[in-house]
Amino acid sequence: MSWQSNSVIQQVRRITRRFGINSLVARILLGKGYEARYDRDLSSLIRSGDIVWDIGANQGMYTTVFSQAVGRTGHVYAFEPSEKNYTYLSDATKTCTNVTLCPFGLADRDGEAWFAQGEDNLGATSRISEKRDDTNRIEIRSGDALIKAGAFRPPNVVKVDVEGFETEVLRGLSESLRNTETRAVGVEVHFGILEERGQSNAAKQIEKMLCESGFQLKWSDPSHLVATRAT
């Protein structure tokens, strides 16, 4: 579908990942500060009064930006299953009256999963994992099921940053993605983690899922995809 999901390009990614030069290559090809393009692309699509789902809210960097963008008539649901990250998220949003914090992860089913806390300072590499000595059990929910239960309002804009669990999250929102009120979806695609999980074709699956739901696709950079409702 796109060069980002092309099998040859993915092989190049594997090589640059092996040598630890992914970020360097991206800066050379795209220029310094290339990741800020995704921030601008996604934030520009949010309107006053919107409902935004921040899936993988981490410590609240995007959540607070979204809170300001949607204003008093909008609302942000911030999903973060990491207990440590959630503490920082709660502190960052304590003055945001239009934010609901959700201490669980999203997936394609309701149930439980094992979760590994990231070792980096920001906890940004925290992710759902196999059961290990350093993992904790967390709750996971299907986004569509939450909406059907009447507990959550359907999203206008969705941000997904879930460290290799992208396909499960989007499958759990399949009905919402087909809802024309959902105008935009931003996804960080973690190619390396997805490959480790046996999902080497995940980028193509994500593109296919979004296209079939009525979205046009734009890659802001090699790892960030922004999908907007086709008109």
C-alpha atoms as a PDB file:
ATOM      1  CA  MET A   1       0.000   0.000   0.000  1.00  0.00           C
ATOM      2  CA  SER A   2       2.676   2.520   0.977  1.00  0.00           C
ATOM      3  CA  TRP A   3       6.452   2.498   0.968  1.00  0.00           C
ATOM      4  CA  GLN A   4       6.421   2.374   4.769  1.00  0.00           C
ATOM      5  CA  SER A   5       4.707  -1.032   4.694  1.00  0.00           C
ATOM      6  CA  ASN A   6       6.662  -2.291   1.663  1.00  0.00           C
ATOM      7  CA  SER A   7       8.528  -5.542   2.375  1.00  0.00           C
ATOM      8  CA  VAL A   8      11.814  -4.218   0.949  1.00  0.00           C
ATOM      9  CA  ILE A   9      11.659  -1.091   3.114  1.00  0.00           C
ATOM     10  CA  GLN A  10      10.874  -3.218   6.144  1.00  0.00           C
ATOM     11  CA  GLN A  11      13.999  -5.268   5.451  1.00  0.00           C
ATOM     12  CA  VAL A  12      16.013  -2.035   5.367  1.00  0.00           C
ATOM     13  CA  ARG A  13      14.420  -1.112   8.700  1.00  0.00           C
ATOM     14  CA  ARG A  14      15.594  -4.412  10.181  1.00  0.00           C
ATOM     15  CA  ILE A  15      19.151  -3.686   9.117  1.00  0.00           C
ATOM     16  CA  THR A  16      19.190  -0.125  10.478  1.00  0.00           C
ATOM     17  CA  ARG A  17      17.552  -1.346  13.702  1.00  0.00           C
ATOM     18  CA  ARG A  18      20.219  -4.005  14.089  1.00  0.00           C
ATOM     19  CA  PHE A  19      22.921  -1.350  13.955  1.00  0.00           C
ATOM     20  CA  GLY A  20      20.954   1.104  16.100  1.00  0.00           C
ATOM     21  CA  ILE A  21      20.858   3.846  13.450  1.00  0.00           C
ATOM     22  CA  ASN A  22      17.117   4.121  12.737  1.00  0.00           C
ATOM     23  CA  SER A  23      16.814   7.603  14.242  1.00  0.00           C
ATOM     24  CA  LEU A  24      20.001   8.805  12.555  1.00  0.00           C
ATOM     25  CA  VAL A  25      18.829   7.650   9.122  1.00  0.00           C
ATOM     26  CA  ALA A  26      15.424   9.280   9.657  1.00  0.00           C
ATOM     27  CA  ARG A  27      17.049  12.591  10.620  1.00  0.00           C
ATOM     28  CA  ILE A  28      19.280  12.488   7.543  1.00  0.00           C
ATOM     29  CA  LEU A  29      16.393  11.715   5.189  1.00  0.00           C
ATOM     30  CA  LEU A  30      13.678  13.815   6.815  1.00  0.00           C
ATOM     31  CA  GLY A  31      15.543  16.526   8.689  1.00  0.00           C
ATOM     32  CA  LYS A  32      15.921  17.357  12.353  1.00  0.00           C
ATOM     33  CA  GLY A  33      12.689  17.497  14.314  1.00  0.00           C
ATOM     34  CA  TYR A  34      10.834  15.217  11.899  1.00  0.00           C
ATOM     35  CA  GLU A  35       8.762  13.685  14.721  1.00  0.00           C
ATOM     36  CA  ALA A  36       7.160  17.083  15.402  1.00  0.00           C
ATOM     37  CA  ARG A  37       5.370  16.775  12.055  1.00  0.00           C
ATOM     38  CA  TYR A  38       3.143  14.068  13.465  1.00  0.00           C
ATOM     39  CA  ASP A  39       2.273  16.239  16.455  1.00  0.00           C
ATOM     40  CA  ARG A  40       1.282  19.083  14.144  1.00  0.00           C
ATOM     41  CA  ASP A  41      -0.583  16.846  11.691  1.00  0.00           C
ATOM     42  CA  LEU A  42      -2.692  15.221  14.393  1.00  0.00           C
ATOM     43  CA  SER A  43      -3.276  18.292  16.555  1.00  0.00           C
ATOM     44  CA  SER A  44      -4.433  20.311  13.537  1.00  0.00           C
ATOM     45  CA  LEU A  45      -7.346  17.898  13.066  1.00  0.00           C
ATOM     46  CA  ILE A  46      -8.828  18.432  16.528  1.00  0.00           C
ATOM     47  CA  ARG A  47     -11.727  20.876  16.850  1.00  0.00           C
ATOM     48  CA  SER A  48     -13.352  22.577  19.782  1.00  0.00           C
ATOM     49  CA  GLY A  49     -16.033  20.264  21.168  1.00  0.00           C
ATOM     50  CA  ASP A  50     -14.395  17.063  19.914  1.00  0.00           C
ATOM     51  CA  ILE A  51     -14.218  13.776  21.782  1.00  0.00           C
ATOM     52  CA  VAL A  52     -10.626  12.519  21.712  1.00  0.00           C
ATOM     53  CA  TRP A  53      -9.410   9.091  22.782  1.00  0.00           C
ATOM     54  CA  ASP A  54      -5.754   9.173  23.856  1.00  0.00           C
ATOM     55  CA  ILE A  55      -4.850   5.481  23.844  1.00  0.00           C
ATOM     56  CA  GLY A  56      -1.502   4.957  25.481  1.00  0.00           C
ATOM     57  CA  ALA A  57      -1.556   8.321  27.224  1.00  0.00           C
ATOM     58  CA  ASN A  58       1.731   7.648  29.038  1.00  0.00           C
ATOM     59  CA  GLN A  59       2.482  10.641  31.294  1.00  0.00           C
ATOM     60  CA  GLY A  60       0.041  13.030  29.640  1.00  0.00           C
ATOM     61  CA  MET A  61       2.029  15.035  27.092  1.00  0.00           C
ATOM     62  CA  TYR A  62      -0.604  14.643  24.366  1.00  0.00           C
ATOM     63  CA  THR A  63      -3.493  14.488  26.829  1.00  0.00           C
ATOM     64  CA  THR A  64      -2.935  18.039  28.053  1.00  0.00           C
ATOM     65  CA  VAL A  65      -2.572  19.349  24.492  1.00  0.00           C
ATOM     66  CA  PHE A  66      -5.789  17.600  23.475  1.00  0.00           C
ATOM     67  CA  SER A  67      -7.567  18.949  26.555  1.00  0.00           C
ATOM     68  CA  GLN A  68      -6.787  22.513  25.531  1.00  0.00           C
ATOM     69  CA  ALA A  69      -7.721  21.864  21.895  1.00  0.00           C
ATOM     70  CA  VAL A  70     -11.200  20.431  22.573  1.00  0.00           C
ATOM     71  CA  GLY A  71     -12.101  23.154  25.051  1.00  0.00           C
ATOM     72  CA  ARG A  72     -14.833  23.124  27.654  1.00  0.00           C
ATOM     73  CA  THR A  73     -17.402  21.538  25.351  1.00  0.00           C
ATOM     74  CA  GLY A  74     -15.118  18.669  24.341  1.00  0.00           C
ATOM     75  CA  HIS A  75     -13.721  15.734  26.255  1.00  0.00           C
ATOM     76  CA  VAL A  76     -10.597  13.577  26.348  1.00  0.00           C
ATOM     77  CA  TYR A  77     -10.455   9.947  27.471  1.00  0.00           C
ATOM     78  CA  ALA A  78      -6.886   9.047  28.434  1.00  0.00           C
ATOM     79  CA  PHE A  79      -6.106   5.324  28.627  1.00  0.00           C
ATOM     80  CA  GLU A  80      -2.963   4.262  30.509  1.00  0.00           C
ATOM     81  CA  PRO A  81      -2.572   0.818  32.133  1.00  0.00           C
ATOM     82  CA  SER A  82       0.853   1.445  33.699  1.00  0.00           C
ATOM     83  CA  GLU A  83       0.417   2.223  37.389  1.00  0.00           C
ATOM     84  CA  LYS A  84       3.623   4.271  37.415  1.00  0.00           C
ATOM     85  CA  ASN A  85       2.773   6.244  34.276  1.00  0.00           C
ATOM     86  CA  TYR A  86      -0.791   6.731  35.503  1.00  0.00           C
ATOM     87  CA  THR A  87       0.503   8.531  38.597  1.00  0.00           C
ATOM     88  CA  TYR A  88       2.329  11.060  36.416  1.00  0.00           C
ATOM     89  CA  LEU A  89      -0.660  11.293  34.067  1.00  0.00           C
ATOM     90  CA  SER A  90      -2.979  12.047  36.970  1.00  0.00           C
ATOM     91  CA  ASP A  91      -0.679  14.786  38.202  1.00  0.00           C
ATOM     92  CA  ALA A  92      -0.300  16.320  34.725  1.00  0.00           C
ATOM     93  CA  THR A  93      -4.068  16.514  34.199  1.00  0.00           C
ATOM     94  CA  LYS A  94      -5.252  17.452  37.695  1.00  0.00           C
ATOM     95  CA  THR A  95      -6.495  20.844  36.483  1.00  0.00           C
ATOM     96  CA  CYS A  96      -8.058  19.450  33.277  1.00  0.00           C
ATOM     97  CA  THR A  97     -11.770  19.215  34.012  1.00  0.00           C
ATOM     98  CA  ASN A  98     -12.533  17.797  30.568  1.00  0.00           C
ATOM     99  CA  VAL A  99     -10.326  14.697  30.915  1.00  0.00           C
ATOM    100  CA  THR A 100     -11.354  11.232  32.107  1.00  0.00           C
ATOM    101  CA  LEU A 101      -8.467   8.986  33.152  1.00  0.00           C
ATOM    102  CA  CYS A 102      -8.815   5.266  32.450  1.00  0.00           C
ATOM    103  CA  PRO A 103      -6.387   2.935  34.286  1.00  0.00           C
ATOM    104  CA  PHE A 104      -6.643   0.060  31.810  1.00  0.00           C
ATOM    105  CA  GLY A 105      -5.514  -0.827  28.309  1.00  0.00           C
ATOM    106  CA  LEU A 106      -7.523  -1.200  25.123  1.00  0.00           C
ATOM    107  CA  ALA A 107      -7.507  -4.349  23.008  1.00  0.00           C
ATOM    108  CA  ASP A 108      -9.759  -6.467  20.787  1.00  0.00           C
ATOM    109  CA  ARG A 109     -11.404  -8.182  23.767  1.00  0.00           C
ATOM    110  CA  ASP A 110     -12.318  -7.681  27.398  1.00  0.00           C
ATOM    111  CA  GLY A 111     -10.057  -9.496  29.824  1.00  0.00           C
ATOM    112  CA  GLU A 112      -6.562  -9.342  31.253  1.00  0.00           C
ATOM    113  CA  ALA A 113      -3.019  -9.172  29.916  1.00  0.00           C
ATOM    114  CA  TRP A 114       0.549  -9.038  31.190  1.00  0.00           C
ATOM    115  CA  PHE A 115       2.271  -5.669  31.187  1.00  0.00           C
ATOM    116  CA  ALA A 116       5.956  -4.735  31.363  1.00  0.00           C
ATOM    117  CA  GLN A 117       6.928  -1.315  32.717  1.00  0.00           C
ATOM    118  CA  GLY A 118       9.466   0.491  30.532  1.00  0.00           C
ATOM    119  CA  GLU A 119      12.887   1.133  32.018  1.00  0.00           C
ATOM    120  CA  ASP A 120      13.246   4.579  30.426  1.00  0.00           C
ATOM    121  CA  ASN A 121      12.571   7.684  32.531  1.00  0.00           C
ATOM    122  CA  LEU A 122       9.317   8.502  30.743  1.00  0.00           C
ATOM    123  CA  GLY A 123       8.005   4.942  30.813  1.00  0.00           C
ATOM    124  CA  ALA A 124       7.435   5.331  27.082  1.00  0.00           C
ATOM    125  CA  THR A 125       8.536   1.773  26.314  1.00  0.00           C
ATOM    126  CA  SER A 126       6.013   0.218  28.716  1.00  0.00           C
ATOM    127  CA  ARG A 127       3.964  -2.389  26.884  1.00  0.00           C
ATOM    128  CA  ILE A 128       1.769  -5.459  26.938  1.00  0.00           C
ATOM    129  CA  SER A 129       4.023  -8.493  26.992  1.00  0.00           C
ATOM    130  CA  GLU A 130       4.293 -12.198  27.657  1.00  0.00           C
ATOM    131  CA  LYS A 131       4.167 -13.315  31.280  1.00  0.00           C
ATOM    132  CA  ARG A 132       7.577 -12.805  32.891  1.00  0.00           C
ATOM    133  CA  ASP A 133       8.964 -12.161  36.362  1.00  0.00           C
ATOM    134  CA  ASP A 134       8.910  -8.409  35.706  1.00  0.00           C
ATOM    135  CA  THR A 135       5.348  -8.183  34.351  1.00  0.00           C
ATOM    136  CA  ASN A 136       2.113  -7.213  36.081  1.00  0.00           C
ATOM    137  CA  ARG A 137      -1.436  -8.244  35.297  1.00  0.00           C
ATOM    138  CA  ILE A 138      -3.608  -5.449  33.869  1.00  0.00           C
ATOM    139  CA  GLU A 139      -7.188  -5.051  32.711  1.00  0.00           C
ATOM    140  CA  ILE A 140      -7.880  -4.701  28.981  1.00  0.00           C
ATOM    141  CA  ARG A 141     -11.135  -3.626  27.329  1.00  0.00           C
ATOM    142  CA  SER A 142     -12.532  -3.419  23.824  1.00  0.00           C
ATOM    143  CA  GLY A 143     -13.193   0.179  22.812  1.00  0.00           C
ATOM    144  CA  ASP A 144     -16.384  -0.731  20.969  1.00  0.00           C
ATOM    145  CA  ALA A 145     -17.664  -2.605  24.035  1.00  0.00           C
ATOM    146  CA  LEU A 146     -17.112   0.463  26.217  1.00  0.00           C
ATOM    147  CA  ILE A 147     -19.171   2.570  23.828  1.00  0.00           C
ATOM    148  CA  LYS A 148     -21.948  -0.023  23.571  1.00  0.00           C
ATOM    149  CA  ALA A 149     -22.163  -0.139  27.365  1.00  0.00           C
ATOM    150  CA  GLY A 150     -22.842   3.604  27.332  1.00  0.00           C
ATOM    151  CA  ALA A 151     -19.867   4.400  29.529  1.00  0.00           C
ATOM    152  CA  PHE A 152     -17.872   6.291  26.891  1.00  0.00           C
ATOM    153  CA  ARG A 153     -18.738   8.703  24.119  1.00  0.00           C
ATOM    154  CA  PRO A 154     -17.643   7.698  20.597  1.00  0.00           C
ATOM    155  CA  PRO A 155     -14.440   9.414  19.443  1.00  0.00           C
ATOM    156  CA  ASN A 156     -14.028  12.055  16.777  1.00  0.00           C
ATOM    157  CA  VAL A 157     -10.245  11.717  16.943  1.00  0.00           C
ATOM    158  CA  VAL A 158      -8.170   8.759  18.134  1.00  0.00           C
ATOM    159  CA  LYS A 159      -4.464   8.673  19.041  1.00  0.00           C
ATOM    160  CA  VAL A 160      -2.823   5.258  19.397  1.00  0.00           C
ATOM    161  CA  ASP A 161       0.637   4.758  20.905  1.00  0.00           C
ATOM    162  CA  VAL A 162       0.701   1.301  22.442  1.00  0.00           C
ATOM    163  CA  GLU A 163       4.159  -0.151  21.778  1.00  0.00           C
ATOM    164  CA  GLY A 164       3.333  -3.008  19.401  1.00  0.00           C
ATOM    165  CA  PHE A 165      -0.326  -3.586  20.353  1.00  0.00           C
ATOM    166  CA  GLU A 166      -1.688  -1.390  17.549  1.00  0.00           C
ATOM    167  CA  THR A 167      -3.612  -4.030  15.590  1.00  0.00           C
ATOM    168  CA  GLU A 168      -5.451  -5.319  18.664  1.00  0.00           C
ATOM    169  CA  VAL A 169      -6.489  -1.812  19.699  1.00  0.00           C
ATOM    170  CA  LEU A 170      -7.790  -0.960  16.234  1.00  0.00           C
ATOM    171  CA  ARG A 171      -9.648  -4.267  15.895  1.00  0.00           C
ATOM    172  CA  GLY A 172     -11.354  -3.489  19.192  1.00  0.00           C
ATOM    173  CA  LEU A 173     -12.500  -0.188  17.661  1.00  0.00           C
ATOM    174  CA  SER A 174     -13.590  -1.593  14.296  1.00  0.00           C
ATOM    175  CA  GLU A 175     -17.183  -0.379  14.617  1.00  0.00           C
ATOM    176  CA  SER A 176     -16.088   3.055  15.788  1.00  0.00           C
ATOM    177  CA  LEU A 177     -13.684   3.358  12.861  1.00  0.00           C
ATOM    178  CA  ARG A 178     -16.593   2.852  10.462  1.00  0.00           C
ATOM    179  CA  ASN A 179     -18.594   5.552  12.231  1.00  0.00           C
ATOM    180  CA  THR A 180     -18.393   8.683  10.069  1.00  0.00           C
ATOM    181  CA  GLU A 181     -18.200  10.802  13.232  1.00  0.00           C
ATOM    182  CA  THR A 182     -14.683   9.422  13.713  1.00  0.00           C
ATOM    183  CA  ARG A 183     -12.756  11.862  11.506  1.00  0.00           C
ATOM    184  CA  ALA A 184      -9.118  11.114  12.267  1.00  0.00           C
ATOM    185  CA  VAL A 185      -6.847   8.426  13.673  1.00  0.00           C
ATOM    186  CA  GLY A 186      -3.163   8.848  14.533  1.00  0.00           C
ATOM    187  CA  VAL A 187      -1.068   5.718  15.031  1.00  0.00           C
ATOM    188  CA  GLU A 188       2.555   5.233  15.990  1.00  0.00           C
ATOM    189  CA  VAL A 189       3.558   1.958  14.350  1.00  0.00           C
ATOM    190  CA  HIS A 190       6.252   0.130  16.338  1.00  0.00           C
ATOM    191  CA  PHE A 191       7.700  -2.006  13.558  1.00  0.00           C
ATOM    192  CA  GLY A 192      10.396  -3.677  15.669  1.00  0.00           C
ATOM    193  CA  ILE A 193       8.086  -4.744  18.499  1.00  0.00           C
ATOM    194  CA  LEU A 194       5.411  -5.898  16.066  1.00  0.00           C
ATOM    195  CA  GLU A 195       7.982  -8.067  14.314  1.00  0.00           C
ATOM    196  CA  GLU A 196       9.077  -9.522  17.650  1.00  0.00           C
ATOM    197  CA  ARG A 197       5.433 -10.431  18.249  1.00  0.00           C
ATOM    198  CA  GLY A 198       5.233 -12.239  14.899  1.00  0.00           C
ATOM    199  CA  GLN A 199       3.289  -9.431  13.204  1.00  0.00           C
ATOM    200  CA  SER A 200       5.687  -8.465  10.422  1.00  0.00           C
ATOM    201  CA  ASN A 201       2.731  -7.537   8.174  1.00  0.00           C
ATOM    202  CA  ALA A 202       1.051  -5.374  10.817  1.00  0.00           C
ATOM    203  CA  ALA A 203       1.658  -2.095   8.959  1.00  0.00           C
ATOM    204  CA  LYS A 204      -0.174  -3.430   5.900  1.00  0.00           C
ATOM    205  CA  GLN A 205      -2.980  -4.725   8.115  1.00  0.00           C
ATOM    206  CA  ILE A 206      -3.312  -1.344   9.806  1.00  0.00           C
ATOM    207  CA  GLU A 207      -3.392   0.472   6.465  1.00  0.00           C
ATOM    208  CA  LYS A 208      -5.969  -1.989   5.108  1.00  0.00           C
ATOM    209  CA  MET A 209      -8.156  -1.702   8.201  1.00  0.00           C
ATOM    210  CA  LEU A 210      -8.193   2.088   8.037  1.00  0.00           C
ATOM    211  CA  CYS A 211      -8.721   2.275   4.269  1.00  0.00           C
ATOM    212  CA  GLU A 212     -11.632  -0.170   4.442  1.00  0.00           C
ATOM    213  CA  SER A 213     -13.137   1.982   7.201  1.00  0.00           C
ATOM    214  CA  GLY A 214     -13.173   4.997   4.872  1.00  0.00           C
ATOM    215  CA  PHE A 215      -9.928   6.797   5.698  1.00  0.00           C
ATOM    216  CA  GLN A 216      -7.228   8.371   3.571  1.00  0.00           C
ATOM    217  CA  LEU A 217      -3.694   7.739   4.793  1.00  0.00           C
ATOM    218  CA  LYS A 218      -0.686   9.964   5.293  1.00  0.00           C
ATOM    219  CA  TRP A 219       2.594   8.956   6.898  1.00  0.00           C
ATOM    220  CA  SER A 220       3.971  11.979   8.748  1.00  0.00           C
ATOM    221  CA  ASP A 221       7.300  10.176   9.149  1.00  0.00           C
ATOM    222  CA  PRO A 222       8.501   6.549   8.897  1.00  0.00           C
ATOM    223  CA  SER A 223       6.661   5.459  12.062  1.00  0.00           C
ATOM    224  CA  HIS A 224       3.658   7.784  12.418  1.00  0.00           C
ATOM    225  CA  LEU A 225       0.481   7.361  10.388  1.00  0.00           C
ATOM    226  CA  VAL A 226      -2.381   9.864  10.261  1.00  0.00           C
ATOM    227  CA  ALA A 227      -5.681   8.710   8.768  1.00  0.00           C
ATOM    228  CA  THR A 228      -8.422  11.201   7.898  1.00  0.00           C
ATOM    229  CA  ARG A 229     -11.992  10.501   6.854  1.00  0.00           C
ATOM    230  CA  ALA A 230     -12.295  10.481   3.062  1.00  0.00           C
ATOM    231  CA  THR A 231     -14.796  13.013   1.725  1.00  0.00           C
END
